[in-house]
Each structure stands twice: as C-alpha cells, then as structure tokens.
Protein backbone atom coordinates (compact mmCIF):
# COMPACT_ATOMS: atom_id res chain seq x y z
CA UNK A 1 77.78 107.96 78.73
CA UNK A 2 78.89 105.73 75.85
CA UNK A 3 81.03 108.55 74.47
CA UNK A 4 82.79 108.94 77.83
CA UNK A 5 83.47 105.21 78.05
CA UNK A 6 84.76 105.14 74.48
CA UNK A 7 87.10 108.01 75.31
CA UNK A 8 88.31 105.98 78.26
CA UNK A 9 88.93 102.94 76.06
CA UNK A 10 91.01 105.07 73.67
CA UNK A 11 93.06 106.45 76.55
CA UNK A 12 93.77 102.95 77.89
CA UNK A 13 94.82 101.86 74.38
CA UNK A 14 97.18 104.84 74.16
CA UNK A 15 98.75 104.04 77.54
CA UNK A 16 99.20 100.39 76.62
CA UNK A 17 101.38 101.33 73.64
CA UNK A 18 104.28 101.39 76.13
CA UNK A 19 103.41 97.82 77.18
CA UNK A 20 106.17 95.28 77.80
CA UNK A 21 106.32 92.06 79.86
CA UNK A 22 108.64 93.68 82.41
CA UNK A 23 106.50 96.81 82.75
CA UNK A 24 103.32 94.74 83.07
CA UNK A 25 104.90 92.68 85.85
CA UNK A 26 105.96 95.89 87.62
CA UNK A 27 102.45 97.36 87.34
CA UNK A 28 100.91 94.21 88.80
CA UNK A 29 103.24 94.48 91.80
CA UNK A 30 102.69 98.22 92.32
CA UNK A 31 98.91 97.89 92.12
CA UNK A 32 98.99 95.57 95.15
CA UNK A 33 99.64 98.69 97.28
CA UNK A 34 95.98 99.52 96.71
CA UNK A 35 94.59 96.06 97.45
CA UNK A 36 92.94 94.65 100.57
CA UNK A 37 96.03 92.53 101.26
CA UNK A 38 98.09 95.69 101.70
CA UNK A 39 95.66 96.98 104.33
CA UNK A 40 95.49 93.57 106.05
CA UNK A 41 99.24 93.83 106.60
CA UNK A 42 99.70 97.54 107.34
CA UNK A 43 96.77 98.21 109.67
CA UNK A 44 97.79 95.54 112.22
CA UNK A 45 101.33 96.97 112.21
CA UNK A 46 99.96 100.38 113.20
CA UNK A 47 97.57 98.88 115.77
CA UNK A 48 100.13 96.65 117.46
CA UNK A 49 103.35 98.66 117.16
CA UNK A 50 102.69 102.39 116.66
CA UNK A 51 99.43 103.88 117.98
CA UNK A 52 96.41 101.71 118.72
CA UNK A 53 93.94 104.59 119.09
CA UNK A 54 94.95 106.18 115.80
CA UNK A 55 94.88 102.74 114.16
CA UNK A 56 91.31 102.19 115.35
CA UNK A 57 89.80 105.27 113.74
CA UNK A 58 92.14 104.89 110.78
CA UNK A 59 91.13 101.28 110.18
CA UNK A 60 87.40 101.84 110.68
CA UNK A 61 87.41 104.73 108.21
CA UNK A 62 89.27 102.59 105.66
CA UNK A 63 86.56 99.95 106.10
CA UNK A 64 83.76 102.51 105.73
CA UNK A 65 85.42 103.79 102.55
CA UNK A 66 85.73 100.24 101.19
CA UNK A 67 82.09 99.50 102.01
CA UNK A 68 80.91 102.68 100.29
CA UNK A 69 82.96 101.73 97.24
CA UNK A 70 81.49 98.21 97.07
CA UNK A 71 77.95 99.54 97.46
CA UNK A 72 78.42 102.15 94.71
CA UNK A 73 79.85 99.54 92.34
CA UNK A 74 76.64 97.53 92.68
CA UNK A 75 74.56 100.69 92.32
CA UNK A 76 76.24 101.86 89.09
CA UNK A 77 77.05 98.42 87.60
CA UNK A 78 79.52 99.94 85.16
CA UNK A 79 81.64 97.58 83.04
CA UNK A 80 85.42 97.67 82.81
CA UNK A 81 87.49 98.58 79.72
CA UNK A 82 88.22 94.93 78.90
CA UNK A 83 84.48 94.25 78.83
CA UNK A 84 84.29 96.56 75.81
CA UNK A 85 87.62 95.47 74.31
CA UNK A 86 88.99 92.16 75.64
CA UNK A 87 92.47 92.92 74.25
CA UNK A 88 92.89 95.60 76.94
CA UNK A 89 92.63 93.17 79.86
CA UNK A 90 96.14 92.77 81.21
CA UNK A 91 94.47 91.92 84.51
CA UNK A 92 90.90 91.06 85.50
CA UNK A 93 88.57 91.76 88.42
CA UNK A 94 85.36 90.08 89.54
CA UNK A 95 83.48 93.29 90.43
CA UNK A 96 82.12 96.29 88.55
CA UNK A 97 84.37 99.26 87.82
CA UNK A 98 82.86 102.53 89.11
CA UNK A 99 84.29 103.91 91.36
CA UNK A 100 87.82 102.53 91.42
CA UNK A 101 88.40 100.76 94.75
CA UNK A 102 92.18 101.00 94.46
CA UNK A 103 92.05 104.75 93.81
CA UNK A 104 89.51 105.41 96.56
CA UNK A 105 91.31 103.20 99.04
CA UNK A 106 94.73 104.77 98.50
CA UNK A 107 93.28 108.30 98.58
CA UNK A 108 91.55 107.50 101.87
CA UNK A 109 94.58 105.69 103.32
CA UNK A 110 97.25 108.27 102.50
CA UNK A 111 94.87 111.19 103.04
CA UNK A 112 94.17 110.02 106.60
CA UNK A 113 97.84 109.24 107.21
CA UNK A 114 99.14 112.59 105.90
CA UNK A 115 98.57 114.59 109.14
CA UNK A 116 100.58 111.98 111.08
CA UNK A 117 103.58 112.24 108.74
CA UNK A 118 106.12 115.02 108.65
CA UNK A 119 105.28 117.78 106.21
CA UNK A 120 105.62 118.05 103.26
CA UNK A 121 105.96 114.27 102.91
CA UNK A 122 102.46 113.64 104.16
CA UNK A 123 100.85 115.82 101.51
CA UNK A 124 103.21 114.56 98.77
CA UNK A 125 102.37 110.92 99.51
CA UNK A 126 98.65 111.68 99.87
CA UNK A 127 98.68 112.99 96.28
CA UNK A 128 101.38 110.88 94.63
CA UNK A 129 100.37 107.40 95.83
CA UNK A 130 96.73 107.56 94.65
CA UNK A 131 97.89 108.94 91.29
CA UNK A 132 100.48 106.17 90.94
CA UNK A 133 98.06 103.39 91.84
CA UNK A 134 95.47 104.94 89.54
CA UNK A 135 97.90 104.84 86.64
CA UNK A 136 98.55 101.14 87.22
CA UNK A 137 94.80 100.52 86.96
CA UNK A 138 94.63 102.33 83.61
CA UNK A 139 97.69 100.49 82.30
CA UNK A 140 96.25 97.11 83.28
CA UNK A 141 92.98 97.95 81.54
CA UNK A 142 90.77 97.41 84.57
CA UNK A 143 89.44 100.98 84.91
CA UNK A 144 88.25 103.95 82.90
CA UNK A 145 89.65 107.38 83.81
CA UNK A 146 86.24 108.35 85.20
CA UNK A 147 86.44 105.41 87.62
CA UNK A 148 89.66 106.89 88.99
CA UNK A 149 88.25 110.42 89.25
CA UNK A 150 85.27 109.15 91.26
CA UNK A 151 87.52 107.07 93.53
CA UNK A 152 89.89 109.95 94.22
CA UNK A 153 87.01 112.33 94.91
CA UNK A 154 85.45 109.96 97.43
CA UNK A 155 88.72 108.93 99.08
CA UNK A 156 90.14 112.42 99.51
CA UNK A 157 86.68 113.64 100.49
CA UNK A 158 86.49 111.12 103.35
CA UNK A 159 89.98 112.07 104.53
CA UNK A 160 89.23 115.80 104.45
CA UNK A 161 85.86 115.35 106.17
CA UNK A 162 87.57 113.50 109.01
CA UNK A 163 90.33 116.09 109.20
CA UNK A 164 87.79 118.87 109.77
CA UNK A 165 85.04 117.06 111.70
CA UNK A 166 86.65 113.91 113.11
CA UNK A 167 87.67 115.47 116.42
CA UNK A 168 84.04 116.10 117.32
CA UNK A 169 83.08 112.50 116.49
CA UNK A 170 85.98 111.17 118.55
CA UNK A 171 85.03 113.36 121.53
CA UNK A 172 81.44 112.10 121.37
CA UNK A 173 82.50 108.44 121.25
CA UNK A 174 85.07 108.92 124.03
CA UNK A 175 82.35 110.22 126.35
CA UNK A 176 79.91 107.43 125.44
CA UNK A 177 79.61 104.40 127.71
CA UNK A 178 80.88 101.01 126.54
CA UNK A 179 77.33 99.75 126.05
CA UNK A 180 76.48 102.69 123.82
CA UNK A 181 79.56 102.10 121.65
CA UNK A 182 78.69 98.43 121.30
CA UNK A 183 75.15 99.32 120.24
CA UNK A 184 76.43 101.83 117.67
CA UNK A 185 78.84 99.26 116.21
CA UNK A 186 76.03 96.69 116.02
CA UNK A 187 73.65 99.10 114.30
CA UNK A 188 76.34 100.09 111.81
CA UNK A 189 77.01 96.43 110.96
CA UNK A 190 73.28 95.73 110.56
CA UNK A 191 72.96 98.72 108.20
CA UNK A 192 75.97 97.54 106.17
CA UNK A 193 74.48 94.06 105.82
CA UNK A 194 71.12 95.50 104.78
CA UNK A 195 72.71 97.69 102.09
CA UNK A 196 75.16 95.05 100.84
CA UNK A 197 73.66 91.65 101.73
CA UNK A 198 75.64 89.66 99.15
CA UNK A 199 79.03 90.45 100.77
CA UNK A 200 79.23 90.39 104.57
CA UNK A 201 83.03 90.52 104.80
CA UNK A 202 83.36 94.30 105.28
CA UNK A 203 80.50 94.47 107.79
CA UNK A 204 82.03 91.53 109.64
CA UNK A 205 85.53 92.95 109.98
CA UNK A 206 84.07 96.36 110.90
CA UNK A 207 81.90 94.80 113.62
CA UNK A 208 84.70 92.66 115.04
CA UNK A 209 87.23 95.48 115.02
CA UNK A 210 84.86 97.99 116.63
CA UNK A 211 83.71 95.60 119.37
CA UNK A 212 87.21 94.38 120.13
CA UNK A 213 88.60 97.91 120.29
CA UNK A 214 85.80 99.04 122.60
CA UNK A 215 86.70 96.33 125.13
CA UNK A 216 90.41 96.93 124.59
CA UNK A 217 90.18 100.65 125.35
CA UNK A 218 87.82 100.25 128.32
CA UNK A 219 89.08 97.03 129.92
CA UNK A 220 92.47 95.96 128.56
CA UNK A 221 94.26 99.23 127.77
CA UNK A 222 96.95 97.81 125.46
CA UNK A 223 99.61 100.42 124.64
CA UNK A 224 101.18 99.93 121.20
CA UNK A 225 103.90 102.51 121.85
CA UNK A 226 105.46 100.42 124.62
CA UNK A 227 108.18 97.87 123.90
CA UNK A 228 111.53 97.58 122.19
CA UNK A 229 111.86 97.00 118.42
CA UNK A 230 112.55 93.32 119.15
CA UNK A 231 109.35 92.98 121.16
CA UNK A 232 107.38 94.75 118.45
CA UNK A 233 108.76 92.37 115.83
CA UNK A 234 107.74 89.47 118.05
CA UNK A 235 104.25 90.96 118.36
CA UNK A 236 104.01 91.19 114.58
CA UNK A 237 105.03 87.58 114.17
CA UNK A 238 102.53 86.27 116.70
CA UNK A 239 99.76 88.62 115.60
CA UNK A 240 100.08 88.01 111.86
CA UNK A 241 100.22 84.26 112.46
CA UNK A 242 96.85 84.59 114.17
CA UNK A 243 95.43 86.63 111.29
CA UNK A 244 96.54 84.04 108.75
CA UNK A 245 95.20 81.18 110.86
CA UNK A 246 91.76 82.77 111.22
CA UNK A 247 91.56 84.09 107.65
CA UNK A 248 92.76 81.03 105.74
CA UNK A 249 91.80 78.41 108.32
CA UNK A 250 88.28 79.78 108.44
CA UNK A 251 88.15 79.83 104.65
CA UNK A 252 88.97 76.12 104.51
CA UNK A 253 86.02 75.17 106.70
CA UNK A 254 83.55 77.73 105.33
CA UNK A 255 80.61 76.44 103.27
CA UNK A 256 80.24 77.22 99.58
CA UNK A 257 78.37 80.27 98.27
CA UNK A 258 75.32 78.15 97.51
CA UNK A 259 74.96 77.24 101.21
CA UNK A 260 72.27 79.09 103.18
CA UNK A 261 74.75 79.82 105.99
CA UNK A 262 77.49 81.17 103.71
CA UNK A 263 76.86 84.88 104.41
CA UNK A 264 76.60 84.34 108.17
CA UNK A 265 79.79 82.25 108.34
CA UNK A 266 81.64 84.80 106.20
CA UNK A 267 80.49 87.58 108.53
CA UNK A 268 81.72 85.61 111.54
CA UNK A 269 85.08 84.75 109.95
CA UNK A 270 85.88 88.33 109.06
CA UNK A 271 84.51 89.47 112.41
CA UNK A 272 86.98 87.19 114.15
CA UNK A 273 89.83 88.66 112.10
CA UNK A 274 88.83 92.17 113.22
CA UNK A 275 88.38 91.13 116.85
CA UNK A 276 91.75 89.36 116.84
CA UNK A 277 93.53 92.48 115.60
CA UNK A 278 91.84 94.87 118.03
CA UNK A 279 91.49 92.67 121.13
CA UNK A 280 92.65 89.05 120.87
CA UNK A 281 96.22 89.72 119.80
CA UNK A 282 96.77 92.63 122.25
CA UNK A 283 95.46 90.46 125.10
CA UNK A 284 97.87 87.68 124.10
CA UNK A 285 100.77 90.15 123.81
CA UNK A 286 100.23 91.23 127.42
CA UNK A 287 99.92 87.64 128.62
CA UNK A 288 103.16 86.69 126.84
CA UNK A 289 104.90 89.85 128.11
CA UNK A 290 105.32 91.11 124.56
CA UNK A 291 103.31 94.23 125.37
CA UNK A 292 101.99 96.31 128.22
CA UNK A 293 98.79 97.99 129.31
CA UNK A 294 98.67 101.76 129.74
CA UNK A 295 99.91 103.07 133.09
CA UNK A 296 102.02 100.02 133.98
C-alpha cells in the first residue's frame, strides 16, 4: 500500500510542475463543479423548473452516492497526498481521501444525467466531466490517483445500476401507498444515521427530500414543466432564497459540535432544506401563482 501511495505522490509532484498562480486559481474554480454547493444549486433548478419526478430520483441517488462515499472514507481512513508531503497541498480538506468524493459525485451526477441529454453529448459529458474534476483534485494535491479510480468506479457503477434496474425500483415505489413510502424513507434515514452517526447532514437532507416528495406527488402534484421562462426564474429566486434562509439561518442558531443536541439539530436543519426543495417551495409556488399542479 505504501508503494502505491508513494507512486501517487510522485504523480502529483509531476503534475504540479505546470503550477502557476493563474492555473491554481482556475483549478480551484473548476473543482467547485464537484462540490456539494454545485448540487445544492443544480438539483433545485431541475426540481422546480424542468422535471420534478426525474429530479427526485436523481437527487436521492446523488445523496445515496455521497453517503456511501462518506462512510467509505471513515472505513478506509486513508490520508491525502499533502499529509505525506505538505508542499503538495494547494488546497486542503477536512476528511479522509479514499474514495474521492468529487470524482464519485461527478461520475454519479453526469452518469445519471446522460440518458436525459441528447446523444452523444450525454455520454461525452458523463466521461469528460469526472475526468476533468478528477484532474483538478490531483493538481491541487488533495487526492491520490487511486482515490479517483475508486470514486469513478463507484459513481459510474451507481449510474449504470440505476440505468439497468432503476425502472423496476420506480415501478415498485409508484405502486406503494404513501404510508409505505414514508416508512421506507424513515428506515433508510435511521440506517444512515446508524452507519454514519458523526454526520447527520446527508441522512437529514435525504429524509426531508423523500418525505416532502412523497406528499408532493400524492397530495400537491406540482408540475415543474409548467410556466414561462419568467415564471421559472421567479420560482428560482423565491426557492433559492428559502434554501439560503434555512441553510445559513439554521446554521447561525445551531449549537456547537460539543453540544449533546448538535447531531439532532443538524439532522433537522438539513431535513428542512430537503423538505423545502421537494414540498415547501412547490407549495409556495402554487400559492403565489408561480407554478401549477398537474392536470390544471
């Protein structure tokens, strides 16, 4: 294992020979396309303005991928290149390195999106974007090549598994009663908290999104396809304002990590973000006549 990590360090050193202030700044901007902030912006756009049903399964799978990545990082506890050679750290992260979350997230994201895009662009982006984001992680010295390989394998694997087997899962959930879907979402969140008790953010946003979407589909019926471009822009403004208010407002009043209620409050805060995206904002759009329910 040490030989593999040393090989990775040498590769990062070789890549960083092209280093310059301008290139480093560019890499730090490009790598944001694989961060959680990118998904926080893009997923609501799809849910509110393009296709709410696709956005639901798309978003929940992204969250499952992110959870799996976080759990595996704790399981493997592998250091990052700059832990072995501090001079390589053009950027720093607070978590372990294996597998790469940016590589896995982009492979999952673009792999799931590829069938919705016109060919061959879907396939090109599903391959090119993870490779590009992966290169930024090597350049910045935050990942070994093996971290990227593991992330790509998991991300593309999740996308392919859903491509071949997702229709059956969707058919099963569509036939299930609302109560059954709520129970499944609750059990999934409980399992996520049991496996990753130190970070309840992913389980919280998964739980809130799944519950909100279940009520949306069964009771509200918000249709993201309806509305002019102006109305959709208005929806984005109102919806994103709500996300920012809940996310940052909740953070201001949340207790510190040393508090006994920290994990519970964090779960609730992220759960509210998910529920706002999948139910709260669509309900408000309809009330404000910025959106419509199906069949109207």
